[in-house]
Amino acid sequence: MKPPAEETMADAMQLAIGLLTASLDSPELEAWAAAAFTPHDADGLGNFMAGLHVVSALLLRELHEVTGQPPEAALQKLAIMAEHRRGTPFAD
């Protein structure tokens, strides 16, 4: 029997938050969390991706409320910062 949709989404959001939190600590912990938390079945992976989407949308809304920046501008700035951090040629 499948768990209720609310429980499934809550679990997926917890996994997403765990992965995002681990990424703040170190690349090693992020790699471990990605391997440990990412489901390997199609349903679990789909739920996990939905959880990541919901958490990202909530964080983006919070960022908008705090900074007043439109979500599009915040996403662009975050993308540029991520590219700089990685040292990719698209960062300039």
C-alpha atoms as a PDB file:
ATOM      1  CA  MET A   1       0.000   0.000   0.000  1.00  0.00           C
ATOM      2  CA  LYS A   2       1.324   3.426  -0.958  1.00  0.00           C
ATOM      3  CA  PRO A   3       1.685   6.154   1.677  1.00  0.00           C
ATOM      4  CA  PRO A   4      -0.553   9.229   1.368  1.00  0.00           C
ATOM      5  CA  ALA A   5       0.663  11.911  -1.048  1.00  0.00           C
ATOM      6  CA  GLU A   6       1.266  14.357   1.824  1.00  0.00           C
ATOM      7  CA  GLU A   7       3.554  11.885   3.568  1.00  0.00           C
ATOM      8  CA  THR A   8       5.404  11.137   0.336  1.00  0.00           C
ATOM      9  CA  MET A   9       5.974  14.858  -0.326  1.00  0.00           C
ATOM     10  CA  ALA A  10       7.096  15.459   3.260  1.00  0.00           C
ATOM     11  CA  ASP A  11       9.611  12.604   2.973  1.00  0.00           C
ATOM     12  CA  ALA A  12      10.854  13.925  -0.374  1.00  0.00           C
ATOM     13  CA  MET A  13      11.260  17.419   1.050  1.00  0.00           C
ATOM     14  CA  GLN A  14      13.204  16.040   4.032  1.00  0.00           C
ATOM     15  CA  LEU A  15      15.581  14.248   1.667  1.00  0.00           C
ATOM     16  CA  ALA A  16      16.000  17.422  -0.399  1.00  0.00           C
ATOM     17  CA  ILE A  17      16.704  19.515   2.699  1.00  0.00           C
ATOM     18  CA  GLY A  18      19.213  16.919   3.887  1.00  0.00           C
ATOM     19  CA  LEU A  19      21.037  17.048   0.558  1.00  0.00           C
ATOM     20  CA  LEU A  20      21.011  20.856   0.441  1.00  0.00           C
ATOM     21  CA  THR A  21      22.243  21.064   4.041  1.00  0.00           C
ATOM     22  CA  ALA A  22      25.043  18.602   3.356  1.00  0.00           C
ATOM     23  CA  SER A  23      26.137  20.687   0.375  1.00  0.00           C
ATOM     24  CA  LEU A  24      26.742  23.623   2.711  1.00  0.00           C
ATOM     25  CA  ASP A  25      29.223  21.632   4.786  1.00  0.00           C
ATOM     26  CA  SER A  26      31.761  20.191   2.385  1.00  0.00           C
ATOM     27  CA  PRO A  27      32.050  18.634  -1.066  1.00  0.00           C
ATOM     28  CA  GLU A  28      32.754  15.272   0.586  1.00  0.00           C
ATOM     29  CA  LEU A  29      29.578  15.370   2.676  1.00  0.00           C
ATOM     30  CA  GLU A  30      27.595  16.549  -0.342  1.00  0.00           C
ATOM     31  CA  ALA A  31      28.885  13.599  -2.391  1.00  0.00           C
ATOM     32  CA  TRP A  32      28.065  11.169   0.415  1.00  0.00           C
ATOM     33  CA  ALA A  33      24.571  12.637   0.853  1.00  0.00           C
ATOM     34  CA  ALA A  34      23.885  12.512  -2.881  1.00  0.00           C
ATOM     35  CA  ALA A  35      24.796   8.821  -2.933  1.00  0.00           C
ATOM     36  CA  ALA A  36      22.981   8.012   0.307  1.00  0.00           C
ATOM     37  CA  PHE A  37      19.823  10.096  -0.126  1.00  0.00           C
ATOM     38  CA  THR A  38      19.068   9.778  -3.830  1.00  0.00           C
ATOM     39  CA  PRO A  39      16.502   7.037  -4.442  1.00  0.00           C
ATOM     40  CA  HIS A  40      17.275   4.465  -7.121  1.00  0.00           C
ATOM     41  CA  ASP A  41      13.747   3.579  -8.212  1.00  0.00           C
ATOM     42  CA  ALA A  42      11.707   5.677 -10.651  1.00  0.00           C
ATOM     43  CA  ASP A  43       8.931   6.569  -8.186  1.00  0.00           C
ATOM     44  CA  GLY A  44      11.375   7.505  -5.447  1.00  0.00           C
ATOM     45  CA  LEU A  45      13.491   9.562  -7.824  1.00  0.00           C
ATOM     46  CA  GLY A  46      10.427  11.380  -9.145  1.00  0.00           C
ATOM     47  CA  ASN A  47       9.280  12.144  -5.602  1.00  0.00           C
ATOM     48  CA  PHE A  48      12.773  13.319  -4.666  1.00  0.00           C
ATOM     49  CA  MET A  49      12.898  15.645  -7.672  1.00  0.00           C
ATOM     50  CA  ALA A  50       9.474  17.022  -6.743  1.00  0.00           C
ATOM     51  CA  GLY A  51      10.745  17.606  -3.203  1.00  0.00           C
ATOM     52  CA  LEU A  52      13.777  19.465  -4.533  1.00  0.00           C
ATOM     53  CA  HIS A  53      11.490  21.602  -6.679  1.00  0.00           C
ATOM     54  CA  VAL A  54       9.186  22.492  -3.763  1.00  0.00           C
ATOM     55  CA  VAL A  55      12.081  23.307  -1.426  1.00  0.00           C
ATOM     56  CA  SER A  56      13.752  25.412  -4.124  1.00  0.00           C
ATOM     57  CA  ALA A  57      10.512  27.317  -4.770  1.00  0.00           C
ATOM     58  CA  LEU A  58      10.058  27.972  -1.047  1.00  0.00           C
ATOM     59  CA  LEU A  59      13.644  29.189  -0.701  1.00  0.00           C
ATOM     60  CA  LEU A  60      13.253  31.416  -3.744  1.00  0.00           C
ATOM     61  CA  ARG A  61      10.081  32.931  -2.277  1.00  0.00           C
ATOM     62  CA  GLU A  62      11.873  33.576   1.031  1.00  0.00           C
ATOM     63  CA  LEU A  63      14.766  35.182  -0.825  1.00  0.00           C
ATOM     64  CA  HIS A  64      12.328  37.428  -2.701  1.00  0.00           C
ATOM     65  CA  GLU A  65      10.639  38.480   0.550  1.00  0.00           C
ATOM     66  CA  VAL A  66      13.970  39.333   2.176  1.00  0.00           C
ATOM     67  CA  THR A  67      15.679  41.091  -0.744  1.00  0.00           C
ATOM     68  CA  GLY A  68      12.750  42.375  -2.785  1.00  0.00           C
ATOM     69  CA  GLN A  69      14.479  41.082  -5.922  1.00  0.00           C
ATOM     70  CA  PRO A  70      12.272  39.435  -8.530  1.00  0.00           C
ATOM     71  CA  PRO A  71      12.757  35.651  -8.532  1.00  0.00           C
ATOM     72  CA  GLU A  72      14.227  35.763 -12.055  1.00  0.00           C
ATOM     73  CA  ALA A  73      16.944  38.210 -10.978  1.00  0.00           C
ATOM     74  CA  ALA A  74      17.753  36.151  -7.901  1.00  0.00           C
ATOM     75  CA  LEU A  75      18.037  32.965  -9.972  1.00  0.00           C
ATOM     76  CA  GLN A  76      20.300  34.676 -12.482  1.00  0.00           C
ATOM     77  CA  LYS A  77      22.543  36.002  -9.725  1.00  0.00           C
ATOM     78  CA  LEU A  78      22.668  32.572  -8.052  1.00  0.00           C
ATOM     79  CA  ALA A  79      23.532  30.902 -11.370  1.00  0.00           C
ATOM     80  CA  ILE A  80      26.374  33.356 -11.991  1.00  0.00           C
ATOM     81  CA  MET A  81      27.683  32.823  -8.452  1.00  0.00           C
ATOM     82  CA  ALA A  82      27.591  29.050  -8.938  1.00  0.00           C
ATOM     83  CA  GLU A  83      29.479  29.336 -12.218  1.00  0.00           C
ATOM     84  CA  HIS A  84      32.139  31.512 -10.590  1.00  0.00           C
ATOM     85  CA  ARG A  85      32.471  29.005  -7.766  1.00  0.00           C
ATOM     86  CA  ARG A  86      33.019  26.186 -10.249  1.00  0.00           C
ATOM     87  CA  GLY A  87      35.409  28.236 -12.332  1.00  0.00           C
ATOM     88  CA  THR A  88      33.580  27.580 -15.585  1.00  0.00           C
ATOM     89  CA  PRO A  89      34.115  29.779 -18.647  1.00  0.00           C
ATOM     90  CA  PHE A  90      30.476  30.959 -18.635  1.00  0.00           C
ATOM     91  CA  ALA A  91      30.962  32.805 -15.364  1.00  0.00           C
ATOM     92  CA  ASP A  92      32.231  35.987 -17.021  1.00  0.00           C
END
